[in-house]
Amino acid sequence: MALVKKGSRRIMVDGVTYRWMLRRRPTYSQALVWSSLTYAVEHADSPSGTILVISTNQPHPSNWLVGPGSPVLPSDVADSIRTARANGWTPEKPGSPFHLDQSEGFVPSH
């Protein structure tokens, strides 16, 4: 499943172009800070390939309880892409989404 082009951003990492997207509105779970911020990345030239789903250790910037979180910086996205590639993510080949869990240290609200 490909990412929608509207709202996605392009990033070049090690000579390869990717598109990444952060959901503008949080899910209910993210809004209540029960779950962390997630975003998705795909290979720009192979949108039918495997999607990378990254779970961060911060709340969604538009959560309802703890105020705005830190923004996701392009350098964070690039680091996550490099980590996922080193851990076996092959974005050019079709397959199930590849999950990269970087949520260590996230403290959900109760």
PDB file of N, CA and C in Angstrom:
ATOM      1  N   MET A   1       0.842  -1.177   0.000  1.00  0.00           N
ATOM      2  CA  MET A   1       0.000   0.000   0.000  1.00  0.00           C
ATOM      3  C   MET A   1       0.883   1.234   0.000  1.00  0.00           C
ATOM      4  N   ALA A   2       0.664   2.139  -0.913  1.00  0.00           N
ATOM      5  CA  ALA A   2       1.491   3.336  -1.050  1.00  0.00           C
ATOM      6  C   ALA A   2       0.966   4.470  -0.173  1.00  0.00           C
ATOM      7  N   LEU A   3       1.874   5.357   0.209  1.00  0.00           N
ATOM      8  CA  LEU A   3       1.490   6.556   0.947  1.00  0.00           C
ATOM      9  C   LEU A   3       0.812   7.529  -0.009  1.00  0.00           C
ATOM     10  N   VAL A   4      -0.101   8.317   0.501  1.00  0.00           N
ATOM     11  CA  VAL A   4      -0.702   9.362  -0.327  1.00  0.00           C
ATOM     12  C   VAL A   4       0.337  10.453  -0.543  1.00  0.00           C
ATOM     13  N   LYS A   5       0.332  11.066  -1.710  1.00  0.00           N
ATOM     14  CA  LYS A   5       1.333  12.086  -2.007  1.00  0.00           C
ATOM     15  C   LYS A   5       1.052  13.394  -1.279  1.00  0.00           C
ATOM     16  N   LYS A   6      -0.217  13.717  -1.105  1.00  0.00           N
ATOM     17  CA  LYS A   6      -0.565  14.954  -0.422  1.00  0.00           C
ATOM     18  C   LYS A   6      -0.180  14.843   1.056  1.00  0.00           C
ATOM     19  N   GLY A   7       0.635  15.743   1.506  1.00  0.00           N
ATOM     20  CA  GLY A   7       1.054  15.751   2.903  1.00  0.00           C
ATOM     21  C   GLY A   7       2.333  14.992   3.181  1.00  0.00           C
ATOM     22  N   SER A   8       2.839  14.269   2.180  1.00  0.00           N
ATOM     23  CA  SER A   8       4.093  13.547   2.403  1.00  0.00           C
ATOM     24  C   SER A   8       5.270  14.444   2.020  1.00  0.00           C
ATOM     25  N   ARG A   9       6.423  14.118   2.561  1.00  0.00           N
ATOM     26  CA  ARG A   9       7.634  14.900   2.291  1.00  0.00           C
ATOM     27  C   ARG A   9       8.696  13.992   1.704  1.00  0.00           C
ATOM     28  N   ARG A  10       9.512  14.560   0.838  1.00  0.00           N
ATOM     29  CA  ARG A  10      10.599  13.807   0.226  1.00  0.00           C
ATOM     30  C   ARG A  10      11.872  14.014   1.039  1.00  0.00           C
ATOM     31  N   ILE A  11      12.682  12.968   1.078  1.00  0.00           N
ATOM     32  CA  ILE A  11      13.967  13.032   1.751  1.00  0.00           C
ATOM     33  C   ILE A  11      14.949  12.133   0.997  1.00  0.00           C
ATOM     34  N   MET A  12      16.172  12.599   0.852  1.00  0.00           N
ATOM     35  CA  MET A  12      17.197  11.794   0.206  1.00  0.00           C
ATOM     36  C   MET A  12      18.162  11.306   1.283  1.00  0.00           C
ATOM     37  N   VAL A  13      18.372  10.001   1.309  1.00  0.00           N
ATOM     38  CA  VAL A  13      19.265   9.381   2.281  1.00  0.00           C
ATOM     39  C   VAL A  13      20.229   8.481   1.524  1.00  0.00           C
ATOM     40  N   ASP A  14      21.501   8.793   1.637  1.00  0.00           N
ATOM     41  CA  ASP A  14      22.550   8.009   0.984  1.00  0.00           C
ATOM     42  C   ASP A  14      22.286   7.830  -0.515  1.00  0.00           C
ATOM     43  N   GLY A  15      21.820   8.892  -1.156  1.00  0.00           N
ATOM     44  CA  GLY A  15      21.600   8.885  -2.595  1.00  0.00           C
ATOM     45  C   GLY A  15      20.291   8.280  -3.059  1.00  0.00           C
ATOM     46  N   VAL A  16      19.437   7.871  -2.145  1.00  0.00           N
ATOM     47  CA  VAL A  16      18.144   7.260  -2.480  1.00  0.00           C
ATOM     48  C   VAL A  16      17.036   8.185  -1.978  1.00  0.00           C
ATOM     49  N   THR A  17      16.018   8.392  -2.808  1.00  0.00           N
ATOM     50  CA  THR A  17      14.913   9.270  -2.440  1.00  0.00           C
ATOM     51  C   THR A  17      13.772   8.460  -1.830  1.00  0.00           C
ATOM     52  N   TYR A  18      13.291   8.942  -0.705  1.00  0.00           N
ATOM     53  CA  TYR A  18      12.175   8.337   0.014  1.00  0.00           C
ATOM     54  C   TYR A  18      11.099   9.397   0.217  1.00  0.00           C
ATOM     55  N   ARG A  19       9.883   8.939   0.544  1.00  0.00           N
ATOM     56  CA  ARG A  19       8.817   9.832   0.975  1.00  0.00           C
ATOM     57  C   ARG A  19       8.396   9.395   2.368  1.00  0.00           C
ATOM     58  N   TRP A  20       8.142  10.369   3.226  1.00  0.00           N
ATOM     59  CA  TRP A  20       7.706  10.041   4.578  1.00  0.00           C
ATOM     60  C   TRP A  20       6.499  10.887   4.939  1.00  0.00           C
ATOM     61  N   MET A  21       5.723  10.378   5.876  1.00  0.00           N
ATOM     62  CA  MET A  21       4.487  11.050   6.235  1.00  0.00           C
ATOM     63  C   MET A  21       4.158  10.823   7.703  1.00  0.00           C
ATOM     64  N   LEU A  22       3.784  11.898   8.319  1.00  0.00           N
ATOM     65  CA  LEU A  22       3.318  11.888   9.703  1.00  0.00           C
ATOM     66  C   LEU A  22       1.831  12.211   9.671  1.00  0.00           C
ATOM     67  N   ARG A  23       1.041  11.426  10.351  1.00  0.00           N
ATOM     68  CA  ARG A  23      -0.403  11.682  10.400  1.00  0.00           C
ATOM     69  C   ARG A  23      -0.643  13.020  11.076  1.00  0.00           C
ATOM     70  N   ARG A  24      -1.363  13.923  10.405  1.00  0.00           N
ATOM     71  CA  ARG A  24      -1.610  15.259  10.954  1.00  0.00           C
ATOM     72  C   ARG A  24      -2.423  15.218  12.247  1.00  0.00           C
ATOM     73  N   ARG A  25      -3.522  14.483  12.225  1.00  0.00           N
ATOM     74  CA  ARG A  25      -4.347  14.361  13.417  1.00  0.00           C
ATOM     75  C   ARG A  25      -3.982  13.075  14.133  1.00  0.00           C
ATOM     76  N   PRO A  26      -3.830  13.139  15.437  1.00  0.00           N
ATOM     77  CA  PRO A  26      -3.470  11.911  16.160  1.00  0.00           C
ATOM     78  C   PRO A  26      -4.635  10.926  16.193  1.00  0.00           C
ATOM     79  N   THR A  27      -4.286   9.653  16.316  1.00  0.00           N
ATOM     80  CA  THR A  27      -5.322   8.660  16.583  1.00  0.00           C
ATOM     81  C   THR A  27      -5.832   8.926  18.001  1.00  0.00           C
ATOM     82  N   TYR A  28      -6.938   8.321  18.369  1.00  0.00           N
ATOM     83  CA  TYR A  28      -7.477   8.522  19.715  1.00  0.00           C
ATOM     84  C   TYR A  28      -6.453   8.119  20.774  1.00  0.00           C
ATOM     85  N   SER A  29      -5.788   7.010  20.542  1.00  0.00           N
ATOM     86  CA  SER A  29      -4.777   6.513  21.467  1.00  0.00           C
ATOM     87  C   SER A  29      -3.593   7.479  21.576  1.00  0.00           C
ATOM     88  N   GLN A  30      -3.188   8.054  20.447  1.00  0.00           N
ATOM     89  CA  GLN A  30      -2.088   9.024  20.459  1.00  0.00           C
ATOM     90  C   GLN A  30      -2.524  10.338  21.109  1.00  0.00           C
ATOM     91  N   ALA A  31      -3.772  10.745  20.892  1.00  0.00           N
ATOM     92  CA  ALA A  31      -4.278  11.990  21.466  1.00  0.00           C
ATOM     93  C   ALA A  31      -4.293  11.932  22.990  1.00  0.00           C
ATOM     94  N   LEU A  32      -4.566  10.750  23.548  1.00  0.00           N
ATOM     95  CA  LEU A  32      -4.583  10.579  25.000  1.00  0.00           C
ATOM     96  C   LEU A  32      -3.221  10.152  25.547  1.00  0.00           C
ATOM     97  N   VAL A  33      -2.219  10.121  24.698  1.00  0.00           N
ATOM     98  CA  VAL A  33      -0.846   9.743  25.032  1.00  0.00           C
ATOM     99  C   VAL A  33      -0.786   8.330  25.612  1.00  0.00           C
ATOM    100  N   TRP A  34      -1.620   7.453  25.073  1.00  0.00           N
ATOM    101  CA  TRP A  34      -1.552   6.038  25.425  1.00  0.00           C
ATOM    102  C   TRP A  34      -0.553   5.338  24.522  1.00  0.00           C
ATOM    103  N   SER A  35      -0.349   5.876  23.324  1.00  0.00           N
ATOM    104  CA  SER A  35       0.629   5.316  22.398  1.00  0.00           C
ATOM    105  C   SER A  35       1.473   6.451  21.827  1.00  0.00           C
ATOM    106  N   SER A  36       2.626   6.079  21.330  1.00  0.00           N
ATOM    107  CA  SER A  36       3.581   7.082  20.859  1.00  0.00           C
ATOM    108  C   SER A  36       3.317   7.496  19.413  1.00  0.00           C
ATOM    109  N   LEU A  37       4.012   8.518  19.019  1.00  0.00           N
ATOM    110  CA  LEU A  37       3.957   9.028  17.658  1.00  0.00           C
ATOM    111  C   LEU A  37       4.530   8.002  16.693  1.00  0.00           C
ATOM    112  N   THR A  38       3.858   7.785  15.580  1.00  0.00           N
ATOM    113  CA  THR A  38       4.371   6.906  14.533  1.00  0.00           C
ATOM    114  C   THR A  38       4.329   7.657  13.207  1.00  0.00           C
ATOM    115  N   TYR A  39       5.227   7.274  12.304  1.00  0.00           N
ATOM    116  CA  TYR A  39       5.194   7.816  10.955  1.00  0.00           C
ATOM    117  C   TYR A  39       5.657   6.733   9.991  1.00  0.00           C
ATOM    118  N   ALA A  40       5.390   6.959   8.712  1.00  0.00           N
ATOM    119  CA  ALA A  40       5.667   5.946   7.697  1.00  0.00           C
ATOM    120  C   ALA A  40       6.614   6.486   6.636  1.00  0.00           C
ATOM    121  N   VAL A  41       7.397   5.569   6.052  1.00  0.00           N
ATOM    122  CA  VAL A  41       8.367   5.907   5.018  1.00  0.00           C
ATOM    123  C   VAL A  41       8.228   4.893   3.895  1.00  0.00           C
ATOM    124  N   GLU A  42       8.389   5.358   2.646  1.00  0.00           N
ATOM    125  CA  GLU A  42       8.415   4.454   1.506  1.00  0.00           C
ATOM    126  C   GLU A  42       9.481   4.913   0.527  1.00  0.00           C
ATOM    127  N   HIS A  43       9.907   4.012  -0.330  1.00  0.00           N
ATOM    128  CA  HIS A  43      10.850   4.324  -1.407  1.00  0.00           C
ATOM    129  C   HIS A  43      10.092   5.168  -2.424  1.00  0.00           C
ATOM    130  N   ALA A  44      10.622   6.323  -2.820  1.00  0.00           N
ATOM    131  CA  ALA A  44       9.898   7.231  -3.703  1.00  0.00           C
ATOM    132  C   ALA A  44       9.669   6.633  -5.089  1.00  0.00           C
ATOM    133  N   ASP A  45      10.603   5.821  -5.580  1.00  0.00           N
ATOM    134  CA  ASP A  45      10.483   5.254  -6.922  1.00  0.00           C
ATOM    135  C   ASP A  45       9.795   3.897  -6.950  1.00  0.00           C
ATOM    136  N   SER A  46       9.569   3.299  -5.789  1.00  0.00           N
ATOM    137  CA  SER A  46       8.911   1.990  -5.700  1.00  0.00           C
ATOM    138  C   SER A  46       7.794   2.044  -4.659  1.00  0.00           C
ATOM    139  N   PRO A  47       6.731   2.840  -4.914  1.00  0.00           N
ATOM    140  CA  PRO A  47       5.681   2.966  -3.898  1.00  0.00           C
ATOM    141  C   PRO A  47       4.924   1.673  -3.628  1.00  0.00           C
ATOM    142  N   SER A  48       5.089   0.666  -4.486  1.00  0.00           N
ATOM    143  CA  SER A  48       4.421  -0.612  -4.222  1.00  0.00           C
ATOM    144  C   SER A  48       5.291  -1.529  -3.373  1.00  0.00           C
ATOM    145  N   GLY A  49       6.433  -1.018  -2.912  1.00  0.00           N
ATOM    146  CA  GLY A  49       7.330  -1.805  -2.079  1.00  0.00           C
ATOM    147  C   GLY A  49       6.897  -1.814  -0.620  1.00  0.00           C
ATOM    148  N   THR A  50       7.771  -2.287   0.223  1.00  0.00           N
ATOM    149  CA  THR A  50       7.494  -2.415   1.647  1.00  0.00           C
ATOM    150  C   THR A  50       7.532  -1.052   2.339  1.00  0.00           C
ATOM    151  N   ILE A  51       6.527  -0.779   3.125  1.00  0.00           N
ATOM    152  CA  ILE A  51       6.440   0.462   3.902  1.00  0.00           C
ATOM    153  C   ILE A  51       7.194   0.263   5.221  1.00  0.00           C
ATOM    154  N   LEU A  52       7.878   1.299   5.659  1.00  0.00           N
ATOM    155  CA  LEU A  52       8.542   1.308   6.957  1.00  0.00           C
ATOM    156  C   LEU A  52       7.663   2.094   7.927  1.00  0.00           C
ATOM    157  N   VAL A  53       7.308   1.493   9.053  1.00  0.00           N
ATOM    158  CA  VAL A  53       6.510   2.154  10.086  1.00  0.00           C
ATOM    159  C   VAL A  53       7.402   2.330  11.311  1.00  0.00           C
ATOM    160  N   ILE A  54       7.596   3.580  11.716  1.00  0.00           N
ATOM    161  CA  ILE A  54       8.513   3.900  12.813  1.00  0.00           C
ATOM    162  C   ILE A  54       7.718   4.379  14.018  1.00  0.00           C
ATOM    163  N   SER A  55       7.913   3.727  15.155  1.00  0.00           N
ATOM    164  CA  SER A  55       7.331   4.156  16.425  1.00  0.00           C
ATOM    165  C   SER A  55       8.406   4.925  17.175  1.00  0.00           C
ATOM    166  N   THR A  56       8.094   6.146  17.563  1.00  0.00           N
ATOM    167  CA  THR A  56       9.066   6.989  18.248  1.00  0.00           C
ATOM    168  C   THR A  56       8.866   6.919  19.763  1.00  0.00           C
ATOM    169  N   ASN A  57       9.708   7.624  20.483  1.00  0.00           N
ATOM    170  CA  ASN A  57       9.588   7.656  21.944  1.00  0.00           C
ATOM    171  C   ASN A  57       8.978   8.964  22.433  1.00  0.00           C
ATOM    172  N   GLN A  58       8.232   9.636  21.575  1.00  0.00           N
ATOM    173  CA  GLN A  58       7.633  10.918  21.955  1.00  0.00           C
ATOM    174  C   GLN A  58       6.144  10.925  21.652  1.00  0.00           C
ATOM    175  N   PRO A  59       5.390  11.810  22.290  1.00  0.00           N
ATOM    176  CA  PRO A  59       3.954  11.888  22.006  1.00  0.00           C
ATOM    177  C   PRO A  59       3.706  12.609  20.681  1.00  0.00           C
ATOM    178  N   HIS A  60       2.522  12.404  20.133  1.00  0.00           N
ATOM    179  CA  HIS A  60       2.130  13.110  18.918  1.00  0.00           C
ATOM    180  C   HIS A  60       2.088  14.608  19.226  1.00  0.00           C
ATOM    181  N   PRO A  61       2.568  15.464  18.314  1.00  0.00           N
ATOM    182  CA  PRO A  61       2.570  16.905  18.575  1.00  0.00           C
ATOM    183  C   PRO A  61       1.186  17.489  18.845  1.00  0.00           C
ATOM    184  N   SER A  62       0.133  16.855  18.359  1.00  0.00           N
ATOM    185  CA  SER A  62      -1.229  17.365  18.555  1.00  0.00           C
ATOM    186  C   SER A  62      -1.995  16.579  19.618  1.00  0.00           C
ATOM    187  N   ASN A  63      -1.299  16.022  20.600  1.00  0.00           N
ATOM    188  CA  ASN A  63      -1.992  15.275  21.643  1.00  0.00           C
ATOM    189  C   ASN A  63      -2.830  16.230  22.486  1.00  0.00           C
ATOM    190  N   TRP A  64      -3.758  15.684  23.265  1.00  0.00           N
ATOM    191  CA  TRP A  64      -4.697  16.490  24.032  1.00  0.00           C
ATOM    192  C   TRP A  64      -4.248  16.759  25.465  1.00  0.00           C
ATOM    193  N   LEU A  65      -3.202  16.091  25.939  1.00  0.00           N
ATOM    194  CA  LEU A  65      -2.911  16.139  27.367  1.00  0.00           C
ATOM    195  C   LEU A  65      -1.603  16.822  27.763  1.00  0.00           C
ATOM    196  N   VAL A  66      -0.511  16.490  27.142  1.00  0.00           N
ATOM    197  CA  VAL A  66       0.790  16.950  27.638  1.00  0.00           C
ATOM    198  C   VAL A  66       1.390  18.083  26.817  1.00  0.00           C
ATOM    199  N   GLY A  67       0.627  18.657  25.930  1.00  0.00           N
ATOM    200  CA  GLY A  67       1.132  19.756  25.110  1.00  0.00           C
ATOM    201  C   GLY A  67       1.937  19.246  23.929  1.00  0.00           C
ATOM    202  N   PRO A  68       2.369  20.180  23.101  1.00  0.00           N
ATOM    203  CA  PRO A  68       3.065  19.764  21.879  1.00  0.00           C
ATOM    204  C   PRO A  68       4.376  19.035  22.178  1.00  0.00           C
ATOM    205  N   GLY A  69       4.564  17.948  21.482  1.00  0.00           N
ATOM    206  CA  GLY A  69       5.811  17.207  21.590  1.00  0.00           C
ATOM    207  C   GLY A  69       6.843  17.796  20.659  1.00  0.00           C
ATOM    208  N   SER A  70       7.985  17.194  20.624  1.00  0.00           N
ATOM    209  CA  SER A  70       9.044  17.641  19.726  1.00  0.00           C
ATOM    210  C   SER A  70       8.678  17.289  18.290  1.00  0.00           C
ATOM    211  N   PRO A  71       9.035  18.152  17.341  1.00  0.00           N
ATOM    212  CA  PRO A  71       8.749  17.815  15.944  1.00  0.00           C
ATOM    213  C   PRO A  71       9.658  16.699  15.452  1.00  0.00           C
ATOM    214  N   VAL A  72       9.207  15.995  14.433  1.00  0.00           N
ATOM    215  CA  VAL A  72      10.038  14.981  13.793  1.00  0.00           C
ATOM    216  C   VAL A  72      10.912  15.711  12.785  1.00  0.00           C
ATOM    217  N   LEU A  73      12.199  15.658  12.976  1.00  0.00           N
ATOM    218  CA  LEU A  73      13.136  16.346  12.096  1.00  0.00           C
ATOM    219  C   LEU A  73      13.577  15.437  10.956  1.00  0.00           C
ATOM    220  N   PRO A  74      13.907  16.013   9.805  1.00  0.00           N
ATOM    221  CA  PRO A  74      14.422  15.196   8.710  1.00  0.00           C
ATOM    222  C   PRO A  74      15.641  14.364   9.115  1.00  0.00           C
ATOM    223  N   SER A  75      16.466  14.883  10.004  1.00  0.00           N
ATOM    224  CA  SER A  75      17.630  14.107  10.461  1.00  0.00           C
ATOM    225  C   SER A  75      17.185  12.870  11.241  1.00  0.00           C
ATOM    226  N   ASP A  76      16.083  12.966  11.993  1.00  0.00           N
ATOM    227  CA  ASP A  76      15.531  11.803  12.702  1.00  0.00           C
ATOM    228  C   ASP A  76      15.035  10.757  11.712  1.00  0.00           C
ATOM    229  N   VAL A  77      14.361  11.220  10.665  1.00  0.00           N
ATOM    230  CA  VAL A  77      13.843  10.313   9.639  1.00  0.00           C
ATOM    231  C   VAL A  77      15.007   9.608   8.942  1.00  0.00           C
ATOM    232  N   ALA A  78      16.037  10.374   8.585  1.00  0.00           N
ATOM    233  CA  ALA A  78      17.203   9.786   7.905  1.00  0.00           C
ATOM    234  C   ALA A  78      17.880   8.744   8.784  1.00  0.00           C
ATOM    235  N   ASP A  79      18.040   9.039  10.067  1.00  0.00           N
ATOM    236  CA  ASP A  79      18.649   8.068  10.989  1.00  0.00           C
ATOM    237  C   ASP A  79      17.810   6.794  11.089  1.00  0.00           C
ATOM    238  N   SER A  80      16.498   6.960  11.144  1.00  0.00           N
ATOM    239  CA  SER A  80      15.605   5.795  11.220  1.00  0.00           C
ATOM    240  C   SER A  80      15.664   4.961   9.950  1.00  0.00           C
ATOM    241  N   ILE A  81      15.755   5.618   8.808  1.00  0.00           N
ATOM    242  CA  ILE A  81      15.860   4.892   7.539  1.00  0.00           C
ATOM    243  C   ILE A  81      17.155   4.088   7.506  1.00  0.00           C
ATOM    244  N   ARG A  82      18.243   4.698   7.915  1.00  0.00           N
ATOM    245  CA  ARG A  82      19.532   3.976   7.940  1.00  0.00           C
ATOM    246  C   ARG A  82      19.475   2.787   8.887  1.00  0.00           C
ATOM    247  N   THR A  83      18.867   2.965  10.051  1.00  0.00           N
ATOM    248  CA  THR A  83      18.735   1.873  11.020  1.00  0.00           C
ATOM    249  C   THR A  83      17.891   0.743  10.447  1.00  0.00           C
ATOM    250  N   ALA A  84      16.781   1.088   9.821  1.00  0.00           N
ATOM    251  CA  ALA A  84      15.904   0.066   9.245  1.00  0.00           C
ATOM    252  C   ALA A  84      16.599  -0.686   8.116  1.00  0.00           C
ATOM    253  N   ARG A  85      17.334   0.034   7.270  1.00  0.00           N
ATOM    254  CA  ARG A  85      18.057  -0.634   6.182  1.00  0.00           C
ATOM    255  C   ARG A  85      19.096  -1.600   6.753  1.00  0.00           C
ATOM    256  N   ALA A  86      19.775  -1.177   7.826  1.00  0.00           N
ATOM    257  CA  ALA A  86      20.772  -2.042   8.456  1.00  0.00           C
ATOM    258  C   ALA A  86      20.123  -3.272   9.105  1.00  0.00           C
ATOM    259  N   ASN A  87      18.839  -3.155   9.483  1.00  0.00           N
ATOM    260  CA  ASN A  87      18.119  -4.261  10.118  1.00  0.00           C
ATOM    261  C   ASN A  87      17.290  -5.089   9.144  1.00  0.00           C
ATOM    262  N   GLY A  88      17.471  -4.873   7.834  1.00  0.00           N
ATOM    263  CA  GLY A  88      16.831  -5.742   6.862  1.00  0.00           C
ATOM    264  C   GLY A  88      15.662  -5.183   6.083  1.00  0.00           C
ATOM    265  N   TRP A  89      15.332  -3.912   6.240  1.00  0.00           N
ATOM    266  CA  TRP A  89      14.235  -3.333   5.461  1.00  0.00           C
ATOM    267  C   TRP A  89      14.649  -3.215   4.001  1.00  0.00           C
ATOM    268  N   THR A  90      13.875  -3.779   3.107  1.00  0.00           N
ATOM    269  CA  THR A  90      14.122  -3.687   1.665  1.00  0.00           C
ATOM    270  C   THR A  90      12.926  -2.995   1.030  1.00  0.00           C
ATOM    271  N   PRO A  91      12.977  -1.662   0.904  1.00  0.00           N
ATOM    272  CA  PRO A  91      11.810  -0.909   0.449  1.00  0.00           C
ATOM    273  C   PRO A  91      11.443  -1.124  -1.014  1.00  0.00           C
ATOM    274  N   GLU A  92      12.343  -1.670  -1.807  1.00  0.00           N
ATOM    275  CA  GLU A  92      12.058  -1.870  -3.225  1.00  0.00           C
ATOM    276  C   GLU A  92      11.200  -3.103  -3.475  1.00  0.00           C
ATOM    277  N   LYS A  93      11.182  -4.039  -2.549  1.00  0.00           N
ATOM    278  CA  LYS A  93      10.453  -5.300  -2.721  1.00  0.00           C
ATOM    279  C   LYS A  93       9.111  -5.239  -1.994  1.00  0.00           C
ATOM    280  N   PRO A  94       8.055  -5.775  -2.600  1.00  0.00           N
ATOM    281  CA  PRO A  94       6.762  -5.798  -1.922  1.00  0.00           C
ATOM    282  C   PRO A  94       6.787  -6.719  -0.703  1.00  0.00           C
ATOM    283  N   GLY A  95       5.951  -6.399   0.245  1.00  0.00           N
ATOM    284  CA  GLY A  95       5.855  -7.224   1.439  1.00  0.00           C
ATOM    285  C   GLY A  95       5.069  -6.530   2.529  1.00  0.00           C
ATOM    286  N   SER A  96       4.980  -7.174   3.665  1.00  0.00           N
ATOM    287  CA  SER A  96       4.288  -6.611   4.818  1.00  0.00           C
ATOM    288  C   SER A  96       5.071  -5.418   5.355  1.00  0.00           C
ATOM    289  N   PRO A  97       4.388  -4.487   6.030  1.00  0.00           N
ATOM    290  CA  PRO A  97       5.098  -3.341   6.594  1.00  0.00           C
ATOM    291  C   PRO A  97       6.219  -3.781   7.535  1.00  0.00           C
ATOM    292  N   PHE A  98       7.324  -3.053   7.482  1.00  0.00           N
ATOM    293  CA  PHE A  98       8.476  -3.304   8.338  1.00  0.00           C
ATOM    294  C   PHE A  98       8.366  -2.341   9.512  1.00  0.00           C
ATOM    295  N   HIS A  99       8.306  -2.869  10.721  1.00  0.00           N
ATOM    296  CA  HIS A  99       8.141  -2.035  11.914  1.00  0.00           C
ATOM    297  C   HIS A  99       9.490  -1.815  12.589  1.00  0.00           C
ATOM    298  N   LEU A 100       9.789  -0.546  12.820  1.00  0.00           N
ATOM    299  CA  LEU A 100      10.998  -0.168  13.545  1.00  0.00           C
ATOM    300  C   LEU A 100      10.557   0.480  14.845  1.00  0.00           C
ATOM    301  N   ASP A 101      10.790  -0.208  15.949  1.00  0.00           N
ATOM    302  CA  ASP A 101      10.347   0.274  17.260  1.00  0.00           C
ATOM    303  C   ASP A 101      11.466   1.065  17.923  1.00  0.00           C
ATOM    304  N   GLN A 102      11.293   2.374  17.975  1.00  0.00           N
ATOM    305  CA  GLN A 102      12.235   3.256  18.660  1.00  0.00           C
ATOM    306  C   GLN A 102      11.535   3.944  19.827  1.00  0.00           C
ATOM    307  N   SER A 103      10.584   3.235  20.424  1.00  0.00           N
ATOM    308  CA  SER A 103       9.758   3.828  21.478  1.00  0.00           C
ATOM    309  C   SER A 103      10.307   3.617  22.884  1.00  0.00           C
ATOM    310  N   GLU A 104      11.517   3.113  22.998  1.00  0.00           N
ATOM    311  CA  GLU A 104      12.094   2.914  24.336  1.00  0.00           C
ATOM    312  C   GLU A 104      12.161   4.262  25.055  1.00  0.00           C
ATOM    313  N   GLY A 105      11.645   4.283  26.255  1.00  0.00           N
ATOM    314  CA  GLY A 105      11.622   5.505  27.049  1.00  0.00           C
ATOM    315  C   GLY A 105      10.306   6.263  26.971  1.00  0.00           C
ATOM    316  N   PHE A 106       9.382   5.839  26.099  1.00  0.00           N
ATOM    317  CA  PHE A 106       8.073   6.493  26.019  1.00  0.00           C
ATOM    318  C   PHE A 106       7.267   6.130  27.257  1.00  0.00           C
ATOM    319  N   VAL A 107       6.694   7.142  27.912  1.00  0.00           N
ATOM    320  CA  VAL A 107       5.891   6.924  29.103  1.00  0.00           C
ATOM    321  C   VAL A 107       4.448   7.327  28.786  1.00  0.00           C
ATOM    322  N   PRO A 108       3.552   6.335  28.646  1.00  0.00           N
ATOM    323  CA  PRO A 108       2.153   6.670  28.348  1.00  0.00           C
ATOM    324  C   PRO A 108       1.462   7.304  29.553  1.00  0.00           C
ATOM    325  N   SER A 109       0.466   8.134  29.270  1.00  0.00           N
ATOM    326  CA  SER A 109      -0.321   8.707  30.366  1.00  0.00           C
ATOM    327  C   SER A 109      -1.372   7.699  30.809  1.00  0.00           C
ATOM    328  N   HIS A 110      -1.877   7.837  31.994  1.00  0.00           N
ATOM    329  CA  HIS A 110      -2.903   6.893  32.488  1.00  0.00           C
ATOM    330  C   HIS A 110      -4.143   7.622  32.849  1.00  0.00           C
TER     331      HIS A 110
END
